[in-house]
Amino acid sequence: MDNPSVLDTIKRKLKYVDKTYWTVFILLVVFAVLELFSASSTLAFKSGSLLGPVWHQVKFILIGALIGFVVQLFPSKYVRIGGYALLGVAAVCLYLMIIPGSPFVSTINDAERWFKIFGFSFQPSELAKLGLIIVVADRLSQAHDEQELVKEFYRTLILSAVIIFPILLGNLSTALLLGGVVFLMWFLARVPLKYLGAILAIAVVLLVSGYFIVEYGFVRAHRQMSGPFKRAITWVGRIDKFIADDDAVDDGGDDYQRTHATMAIARGGASPLGVLPGNSVERNWLPLAYADYIFAIIVEETGFIGALVLIILYVVILFRACYTSSKYADYSAMLMVMGLALMLTSQAFVSMAVAVGLGPVTGQPLPMVSRGGTSVLVTSLYFAILMCVSREQNEMQAQVEQSRADSYEDVPDIDLD
């Protein structure tokens, strides 16, 4: 029999693509494009071009869609290999950024989270999240008994601490999200509860004690912090404002954004369909309407119905991952899929919670919807890997079923007479 051509192989693989993930991906892109027309009005005014900011984002979306289409056809073993490489690059970038006076740090939107090299800027933390999830899933899947699992738990614990530490210095919410997802992956891998309980207790003690040290040693003493943890005052201040529920408007600050986000949601809540796309008022007042607070603009323009549809899309990602991973024979694939889905949905719900005032300001973008090149490309990679693993498992399952059918046909008829 002749070997199948590349085109025949691609056609065969396309038969098993996961249509659910593609549907969610496309619908999120529709939300992104429609809302960026409204939310990017301030950028359009600054650039002097109505479509310029939107087209800039659409280019990243198109590249992301191409990534999704290509990567879904790859064997998942290449994803695992790529995860190690990606994590290594991200780790180097993260530690280069924490060197005092580092020339690689780029400040965008008052945040020093971007790595700058050869005129390009990207967020290493986004790459680190993806790489760490893939590597942790692969390492945990190597264990064949409880003793090996405990060893892999310690190895992934050390690795996670090494990666999360530099992220923590610049972005507490991202560090907590990533740590939480890794913790859930340990739980799914059935790491003994005594180890998980110990890690959880240590984390709570560190966070609570850190909060009180900064609160009483610096914030209430009106002292400034220096060194690697200088942003701790900002984090504690945001938590204090959230707890106090202070509605005072501080021009240009977090309170200013929170106030106008609340106004946008209240305006959209007056009708199930909101004020309809293109009629937002608060987009002209929210400094980051196109990024961290885009969900507030979505609620203002599409009301309860639009918000509910968007929430359902993110829930579908998690439920689809749970359903498909329950059928996987590949344990590593199951852990990887669940880790990626948990990261996507948890980040989405944190972003939406902040926009509606249910949490302190975090700066988390809405996956695939908020404006941002690195965020869109990395989110596209999340979908690409989910679709890659799902396609591969569907193809393997189809081969098994066909093999069973062929074996039944080979059984000779027996004449009982």
Protein backbone atom coordinates (compact mmCIF):
# COMPACT_ATOMS: atom_id res chain seq x y z
CA MET A 1 0.00 0.00 0.00
CA ASP A 2 1.29 3.43 -0.91
CA ASN A 3 2.14 5.81 1.89
CA PRO A 4 -0.49 8.55 2.24
CA SER A 5 0.49 12.01 1.04
CA VAL A 6 0.79 14.99 3.38
CA LEU A 7 -2.51 16.34 2.05
CA ASP A 8 -4.26 13.02 2.70
CA THR A 9 -2.85 12.95 6.23
CA ILE A 10 -4.11 16.48 6.91
CA LYS A 11 -7.55 15.62 5.53
CA ARG A 12 -7.72 12.55 7.75
CA LYS A 13 -6.73 14.52 10.83
CA LEU A 14 -9.24 17.28 10.08
CA LYS A 15 -12.02 14.69 10.36
CA TYR A 16 -11.31 14.48 14.09
CA VAL A 17 -10.96 18.17 15.01
CA ASP A 18 -12.84 19.31 18.09
CA LYS A 19 -15.68 21.47 16.75
CA THR A 20 -16.71 22.59 20.24
CA TYR A 21 -13.39 24.27 20.98
CA TRP A 22 -13.37 25.89 17.54
CA THR A 23 -16.91 27.21 18.07
CA VAL A 24 -15.96 28.76 21.42
CA PHE A 25 -12.78 30.22 19.91
CA ILE A 26 -14.66 31.84 17.00
CA LEU A 27 -17.41 33.25 19.24
CA LEU A 28 -14.83 34.78 21.59
CA VAL A 29 -13.15 36.36 18.56
CA VAL A 30 -16.53 37.83 17.52
CA PHE A 31 -16.93 39.32 21.00
CA ALA A 32 -13.39 40.69 20.85
CA VAL A 33 -13.76 42.39 17.47
CA LEU A 34 -17.21 43.85 18.16
CA GLU A 35 -16.29 45.24 21.56
CA LEU A 36 -12.88 46.52 20.53
CA PHE A 37 -14.62 48.85 18.07
CA SER A 38 -16.20 50.52 21.11
CA ALA A 39 -13.63 49.97 23.83
CA SER A 40 -10.69 51.20 21.72
CA SER A 41 -12.20 54.63 21.08
CA THR A 42 -9.54 56.38 23.18
CA LEU A 43 -6.78 54.60 21.25
CA ALA A 44 -8.49 55.51 17.96
CA PHE A 45 -8.58 59.17 19.02
CA LYS A 46 -4.88 59.15 19.93
CA SER A 47 -3.83 57.40 16.73
CA GLY A 48 -6.14 59.43 14.50
CA SER A 49 -7.46 56.26 12.88
CA LEU A 50 -10.86 54.71 13.59
CA LEU A 51 -9.90 51.20 12.48
CA GLY A 52 -6.18 51.32 13.31
CA PRO A 53 -6.32 49.92 16.89
CA VAL A 54 -8.88 47.29 15.89
CA TRP A 55 -6.92 46.17 12.85
CA HIS A 56 -3.79 45.95 15.00
CA GLN A 57 -5.60 43.48 17.25
CA VAL A 58 -7.23 41.61 14.38
CA LYS A 59 -3.77 40.85 12.99
CA PHE A 60 -2.84 39.11 16.24
CA ILE A 61 -6.17 37.24 16.21
CA LEU A 62 -5.56 36.01 12.64
CA ILE A 63 -2.06 34.85 13.59
CA GLY A 64 -3.56 33.12 16.64
CA ALA A 65 -6.17 31.36 14.49
CA LEU A 66 -3.41 30.16 12.15
CA ILE A 67 -1.45 28.88 15.16
CA GLY A 68 -4.54 27.02 16.34
CA PHE A 69 -5.13 25.42 12.95
CA VAL A 70 -1.52 24.25 12.54
CA VAL A 71 -0.77 23.12 16.11
CA GLN A 72 -3.97 21.04 16.34
CA LEU A 73 -2.53 18.77 13.63
CA PHE A 74 0.74 18.11 15.50
CA PRO A 75 1.29 15.03 17.69
CA SER A 76 0.89 15.99 21.34
CA LYS A 77 4.40 14.70 22.13
CA TYR A 78 5.78 17.77 20.35
CA VAL A 79 3.62 19.97 22.58
CA ARG A 80 5.27 18.42 25.64
CA ILE A 81 8.75 18.95 24.21
CA GLY A 82 7.84 22.51 23.29
CA GLY A 83 6.55 23.11 26.81
CA TYR A 84 10.01 22.50 28.30
CA ALA A 85 11.63 24.84 25.77
CA LEU A 86 8.99 27.51 26.34
CA LEU A 87 9.40 27.31 30.11
CA GLY A 88 13.18 27.62 29.81
CA VAL A 89 12.94 30.75 27.66
CA ALA A 90 10.33 32.28 29.96
CA ALA A 91 12.42 31.59 33.07
CA VAL A 92 15.49 33.28 31.58
CA CYS A 93 13.44 36.32 30.59
CA LEU A 94 11.75 36.56 34.00
CA TYR A 95 15.03 36.52 35.91
CA LEU A 96 16.68 38.96 33.53
CA MET A 97 13.83 41.37 34.26
CA ILE A 98 14.33 41.39 38.03
CA ILE A 99 17.95 42.50 37.76
CA PRO A 100 18.10 46.12 39.02
CA GLY A 101 18.32 48.50 36.09
CA SER A 102 17.69 45.73 33.58
CA PRO A 103 17.62 47.07 30.00
CA PHE A 104 15.13 44.37 29.02
CA VAL A 105 12.23 45.80 31.03
CA SER A 106 9.54 47.72 29.15
CA THR A 107 6.82 49.67 30.98
CA ILE A 108 3.34 49.59 29.41
CA ASN A 109 0.21 50.93 31.16
CA ASP A 110 2.35 51.74 34.21
CA ALA A 111 3.32 48.08 34.65
CA GLU A 112 6.85 46.68 34.28
CA ARG A 113 5.75 43.28 32.98
CA TRP A 114 7.07 43.38 29.42
CA PHE A 115 10.35 41.97 28.20
CA LYS A 116 11.88 44.14 25.48
CA ILE A 117 14.37 42.84 22.94
CA PHE A 118 15.17 43.87 19.34
CA GLY A 119 12.27 46.32 19.35
CA PHE A 120 9.69 43.73 20.37
CA SER A 121 7.89 43.49 23.72
CA PHE A 122 6.10 40.51 25.27
CA GLN A 123 5.05 39.27 28.69
CA PRO A 124 7.25 36.34 29.83
CA SER A 125 4.71 35.54 32.56
CA GLU A 126 2.19 34.51 29.88
CA LEU A 127 4.71 32.10 28.37
CA ALA A 128 5.66 30.85 31.83
CA LYS A 129 2.06 29.99 32.69
CA LEU A 130 1.64 27.86 29.60
CA GLY A 131 5.05 26.21 29.88
CA LEU A 132 4.71 25.39 33.58
CA ILE A 133 1.30 23.75 33.13
CA ILE A 134 2.63 21.54 30.33
CA VAL A 135 5.77 20.55 32.25
CA VAL A 136 3.96 19.87 35.54
CA ALA A 137 1.43 17.67 33.71
CA ASP A 138 4.23 15.74 32.01
CA ARG A 139 6.23 15.25 35.21
CA LEU A 140 3.26 14.10 37.29
CA SER A 141 2.25 11.63 34.60
CA GLN A 142 5.66 9.94 34.89
CA ALA A 143 4.82 8.56 38.34
CA HIS A 144 3.65 4.94 38.45
CA ASP A 145 3.11 4.59 42.19
CA GLU A 146 2.65 6.80 45.24
CA GLN A 147 6.34 6.91 46.07
CA GLU A 148 7.22 8.19 42.60
CA LEU A 149 4.28 10.60 42.73
CA VAL A 150 5.60 12.16 45.94
CA LYS A 151 9.02 12.61 44.33
CA GLU A 152 7.43 14.30 41.31
CA PHE A 153 5.37 16.45 43.65
CA TYR A 154 8.53 17.79 45.29
CA ARG A 155 10.19 18.33 41.91
CA THR A 156 7.23 20.24 40.49
CA LEU A 157 6.92 22.17 43.77
CA ILE A 158 10.51 23.41 43.47
CA LEU A 159 10.08 24.15 39.77
CA SER A 160 6.84 26.06 40.41
CA ALA A 161 8.46 28.12 43.17
CA VAL A 162 11.37 29.02 40.87
CA ILE A 163 8.98 30.18 38.12
CA ILE A 164 6.34 31.86 40.29
CA PHE A 165 8.79 33.90 42.40
CA PRO A 166 9.83 36.42 39.68
CA ILE A 167 6.19 36.63 38.51
CA LEU A 168 5.13 37.41 42.07
CA LEU A 169 7.43 40.42 42.26
CA GLY A 170 5.56 42.18 39.48
CA ASN A 171 2.12 40.60 39.35
CA LEU A 172 0.63 39.05 42.47
CA SER A 173 -2.66 38.01 40.86
CA THR A 174 -0.94 36.08 38.05
CA ALA A 175 1.32 34.34 40.58
CA LEU A 176 -1.68 33.32 42.70
CA LEU A 177 -3.63 32.11 39.66
CA LEU A 178 -0.73 30.00 38.43
CA GLY A 179 -0.05 28.61 41.89
CA GLY A 180 -3.73 27.75 42.29
CA VAL A 181 -3.87 25.89 38.97
CA VAL A 182 -0.72 23.89 39.79
CA PHE A 183 -2.27 23.03 43.18
CA LEU A 184 -5.42 21.73 41.43
CA MET A 185 -3.25 19.68 39.06
CA TRP A 186 -1.58 18.06 42.09
CA PHE A 187 -5.06 17.28 43.40
CA LEU A 188 -6.14 15.75 40.07
CA ALA A 189 -2.93 13.70 40.04
CA ARG A 190 -3.94 12.37 43.48
CA VAL A 191 -1.00 13.70 45.43
CA PRO A 192 -1.63 12.65 49.07
CA LEU A 193 -3.83 15.17 50.88
CA LYS A 194 -1.35 15.63 53.72
CA TYR A 195 1.13 17.20 51.30
CA LEU A 196 -1.53 19.39 49.72
CA GLY A 197 -2.78 20.47 53.14
CA ALA A 198 0.73 21.42 54.21
CA ILE A 199 1.30 23.50 51.06
CA LEU A 200 -2.05 25.23 51.45
CA ALA A 201 -1.38 26.04 55.12
CA ILE A 202 2.08 27.44 54.33
CA ALA A 203 0.69 29.57 51.50
CA VAL A 204 -2.08 31.00 53.69
CA VAL A 205 0.33 31.79 56.53
CA LEU A 206 2.75 33.55 54.15
CA LEU A 207 0.03 35.60 52.46
CA VAL A 208 -1.73 36.63 55.68
CA SER A 209 1.50 37.45 57.53
CA GLY A 210 2.78 39.34 54.49
CA TYR A 211 -0.41 41.39 54.36
CA PHE A 212 -0.21 42.40 58.03
CA ILE A 213 3.52 43.19 57.83
CA VAL A 214 2.96 45.55 54.91
CA GLU A 215 -0.28 46.97 56.31
CA TYR A 216 1.03 47.86 59.77
CA GLY A 217 4.72 48.22 59.02
CA PHE A 218 4.41 50.43 55.94
CA VAL A 219 0.90 51.50 54.86
CA ARG A 220 -0.37 52.71 58.24
CA ALA A 221 3.08 53.93 59.23
CA HIS A 222 3.18 55.97 55.99
CA ARG A 223 6.50 54.42 55.02
CA GLN A 224 7.63 53.59 51.50
CA MET A 225 8.94 50.18 50.47
CA SER A 226 11.97 49.56 48.31
CA GLY A 227 13.55 46.50 46.86
CA PRO A 228 11.95 43.62 44.98
CA PHE A 229 8.68 43.73 46.98
CA LYS A 230 8.04 47.45 46.50
CA ARG A 231 4.69 46.74 44.78
CA ALA A 232 3.39 45.11 47.96
CA ILE A 233 2.07 48.50 49.13
CA THR A 234 -0.04 48.69 45.95
CA TRP A 235 -1.43 45.20 46.48
CA VAL A 236 -2.32 45.86 50.13
CA GLY A 237 -3.84 49.23 49.21
CA ARG A 238 -6.13 47.59 46.65
CA ILE A 239 -7.24 44.99 49.16
CA ASP A 240 -7.90 47.69 51.77
CA LYS A 241 -10.02 49.70 49.31
CA PHE A 242 -11.99 46.62 48.33
CA ILE A 243 -12.66 45.68 51.97
CA ALA A 244 -13.60 49.26 52.87
CA ASP A 245 -15.83 49.51 49.76
CA ASP A 246 -14.67 53.10 49.30
CA ASP A 247 -16.51 54.67 46.35
CA ALA A 248 -14.46 57.84 46.27
CA VAL A 249 -13.22 58.79 42.81
CA ASP A 250 -9.47 59.24 42.56
CA ASP A 251 -8.70 60.69 39.12
CA GLY A 252 -6.47 58.35 37.15
CA GLY A 253 -6.25 55.70 39.88
CA ASP A 254 -7.87 52.35 40.61
CA ASP A 255 -10.89 54.01 42.26
CA TYR A 256 -11.49 56.03 39.10
CA GLN A 257 -11.57 52.90 36.95
CA ARG A 258 -13.69 50.99 39.43
CA THR A 259 -16.23 53.80 39.63
CA HIS A 260 -16.68 54.12 35.87
CA ALA A 261 -16.80 50.34 35.46
CA THR A 262 -19.66 50.27 37.99
CA MET A 263 -21.43 53.04 36.07
CA ALA A 264 -21.04 51.10 32.81
CA ILE A 265 -22.53 47.96 34.36
CA ALA A 266 -25.41 49.89 35.94
CA ARG A 267 -26.18 51.52 32.59
CA GLY A 268 -26.12 48.19 30.76
CA GLY A 269 -28.21 46.53 33.45
CA ALA A 270 -31.18 48.77 32.69
CA SER A 271 -32.04 46.52 29.73
CA PRO A 272 -31.48 42.79 29.10
CA LEU A 273 -29.71 43.76 25.86
CA GLY A 274 -27.87 46.78 27.27
CA VAL A 275 -27.52 49.97 25.25
CA LEU A 276 -26.51 47.91 22.15
CA PRO A 277 -23.02 47.75 20.60
CA GLY A 278 -21.49 51.10 19.68
CA ASN A 279 -23.48 53.13 22.22
CA SER A 280 -21.18 52.92 25.23
CA VAL A 281 -20.55 56.14 27.15
CA GLU A 282 -18.10 54.87 29.77
CA ARG A 283 -15.63 53.74 27.11
CA ASN A 284 -14.58 57.38 26.90
CA TRP A 285 -13.80 57.51 30.62
CA LEU A 286 -12.31 54.12 31.43
CA PRO A 287 -8.54 54.34 30.76
CA LEU A 288 -8.25 50.57 30.18
CA ALA A 289 -11.69 49.90 28.75
CA TYR A 290 -10.10 47.79 26.00
CA ALA A 291 -8.00 45.69 28.40
CA ASP A 292 -8.68 44.94 32.07
CA TYR A 293 -12.20 46.41 32.11
CA ILE A 294 -13.55 45.30 28.75
CA PHE A 295 -16.17 43.12 30.48
CA ALA A 296 -17.74 46.28 31.93
CA ILE A 297 -18.12 47.65 28.39
CA ILE A 298 -19.57 44.32 27.23
CA VAL A 299 -22.19 44.47 29.99
CA GLU A 300 -22.97 48.11 29.17
CA GLU A 301 -23.50 47.40 25.47
CA THR A 302 -25.00 43.89 25.53
CA GLY A 303 -26.59 43.76 28.98
CA PHE A 304 -27.36 40.63 30.94
CA ILE A 305 -27.79 38.53 27.79
CA GLY A 306 -24.37 39.34 26.37
CA ALA A 307 -22.66 38.84 29.73
CA LEU A 308 -24.39 35.48 30.21
CA VAL A 309 -23.38 34.26 26.75
CA LEU A 310 -19.75 35.19 27.43
CA ILE A 311 -19.77 33.45 30.82
CA ILE A 312 -21.27 30.31 29.24
CA LEU A 313 -18.49 30.25 26.62
CA TYR A 314 -15.81 30.11 29.32
CA VAL A 315 -17.76 27.51 31.28
CA VAL A 316 -18.02 25.38 28.13
CA ILE A 317 -14.20 25.33 27.91
CA LEU A 318 -13.95 23.78 31.37
CA PHE A 319 -16.85 21.37 30.91
CA ARG A 320 -15.54 20.27 27.53
CA ALA A 321 -12.13 19.62 29.06
CA CYS A 322 -13.71 17.56 31.87
CA TYR A 323 -15.79 15.54 29.41
CA THR A 324 -13.07 14.83 26.88
CA SER A 325 -10.29 14.18 29.41
CA SER A 326 -12.45 11.54 31.10
CA LYS A 327 -12.11 9.49 27.90
CA TYR A 328 -8.36 9.93 27.46
CA ALA A 329 -6.10 6.91 27.77
CA ASP A 330 -3.15 9.31 27.93
CA TYR A 331 -2.83 10.44 31.56
CA SER A 332 -0.42 13.24 30.70
CA ALA A 333 -2.86 14.59 28.11
CA MET A 334 -5.67 14.58 30.68
CA LEU A 335 -3.65 16.57 33.21
CA MET A 336 -2.44 19.02 30.58
CA VAL A 337 -5.94 19.64 29.21
CA MET A 338 -7.40 20.17 32.67
CA GLY A 339 -4.58 22.52 33.67
CA LEU A 340 -4.98 24.66 30.55
CA ALA A 341 -8.77 24.79 30.87
CA LEU A 342 -8.55 25.70 34.55
CA MET A 343 -6.14 28.54 33.78
CA LEU A 344 -8.34 29.96 31.01
CA THR A 345 -11.58 29.85 32.98
CA SER A 346 -10.14 31.01 36.30
CA GLN A 347 -8.44 33.99 34.64
CA ALA A 348 -11.68 34.85 32.84
CA PHE A 349 -13.76 34.73 36.03
CA VAL A 350 -11.20 36.79 37.98
CA SER A 351 -11.22 39.43 35.23
CA MET A 352 -15.02 39.54 35.14
CA ALA A 353 -15.28 39.62 38.94
CA VAL A 354 -12.98 42.64 39.13
CA ALA A 355 -14.96 44.45 36.42
CA VAL A 356 -18.24 44.05 38.33
CA GLY A 357 -16.68 44.98 41.68
CA LEU A 358 -16.55 41.49 43.22
CA GLY A 359 -12.80 41.57 43.79
CA PRO A 360 -9.86 43.93 44.21
CA VAL A 361 -8.18 45.31 41.10
CA THR A 362 -5.83 42.72 39.62
CA GLY A 363 -5.02 43.71 36.04
CA GLN A 364 -6.02 40.33 34.59
CA PRO A 365 -7.14 40.51 30.93
CA LEU A 366 -10.18 38.67 29.64
CA PRO A 367 -8.74 35.76 27.61
CA MET A 368 -9.06 36.24 23.84
CA VAL A 369 -11.26 39.32 24.29
CA SER A 370 -9.06 41.95 25.95
CA ARG A 371 -6.64 43.85 23.73
CA GLY A 372 -3.04 42.63 23.87
CA GLY A 373 -0.70 40.87 21.48
CA THR A 374 1.01 38.45 23.86
CA SER A 375 -2.26 37.61 25.61
CA VAL A 376 -4.08 36.78 22.36
CA LEU A 377 -1.25 34.69 20.91
CA VAL A 378 -0.74 32.71 24.11
CA THR A 379 -4.49 32.20 24.56
CA SER A 380 -4.60 30.94 20.97
CA LEU A 381 -1.86 28.48 21.95
CA TYR A 382 -4.03 27.29 24.85
CA PHE A 383 -6.86 26.56 22.42
CA ALA A 384 -4.43 25.03 19.91
CA ILE A 385 -3.13 22.55 22.49
CA LEU A 386 -6.62 21.71 23.73
CA MET A 387 -7.67 21.05 20.13
CA CYS A 388 -4.47 19.12 19.40
CA VAL A 389 -4.95 16.72 22.29
CA SER A 390 -8.68 16.33 21.62
CA ARG A 391 -8.09 15.63 17.92
CA GLU A 392 -5.40 13.08 18.69
CA GLN A 393 -7.52 11.27 21.26
CA ASN A 394 -10.56 11.26 18.93
CA GLU A 395 -8.40 9.78 16.19
CA MET A 396 -7.00 7.11 18.50
CA GLN A 397 -10.48 6.21 19.72
CA ALA A 398 -11.72 5.90 16.14
CA GLN A 399 -8.80 3.58 15.30
CA VAL A 400 -9.56 1.39 18.31
CA GLU A 401 -13.24 1.15 17.34
CA GLN A 402 -12.32 0.33 13.74
CA SER A 403 -9.89 -2.35 14.94
CA ARG A 404 -12.62 -3.91 17.05
CA ALA A 405 -15.04 -3.86 14.13
CA ASP A 406 -12.44 -5.50 11.87
CA SER A 407 -11.75 -8.20 14.46
CA TYR A 408 -15.46 -9.08 14.63
CA GLU A 409 -15.55 -9.41 10.87
CA ASP A 410 -12.62 -11.84 10.98
CA VAL A 411 -14.44 -14.25 13.30
CA PRO A 412 -15.56 -17.24 11.20
CA ASP A 413 -19.19 -18.26 11.16
CA ILE A 414 -19.78 -21.47 13.18
CA ASP A 415 -22.40 -23.90 12.04
CA LEU A 416 -23.96 -25.18 15.25
CA ASP A 417 -25.79 -27.87 13.35
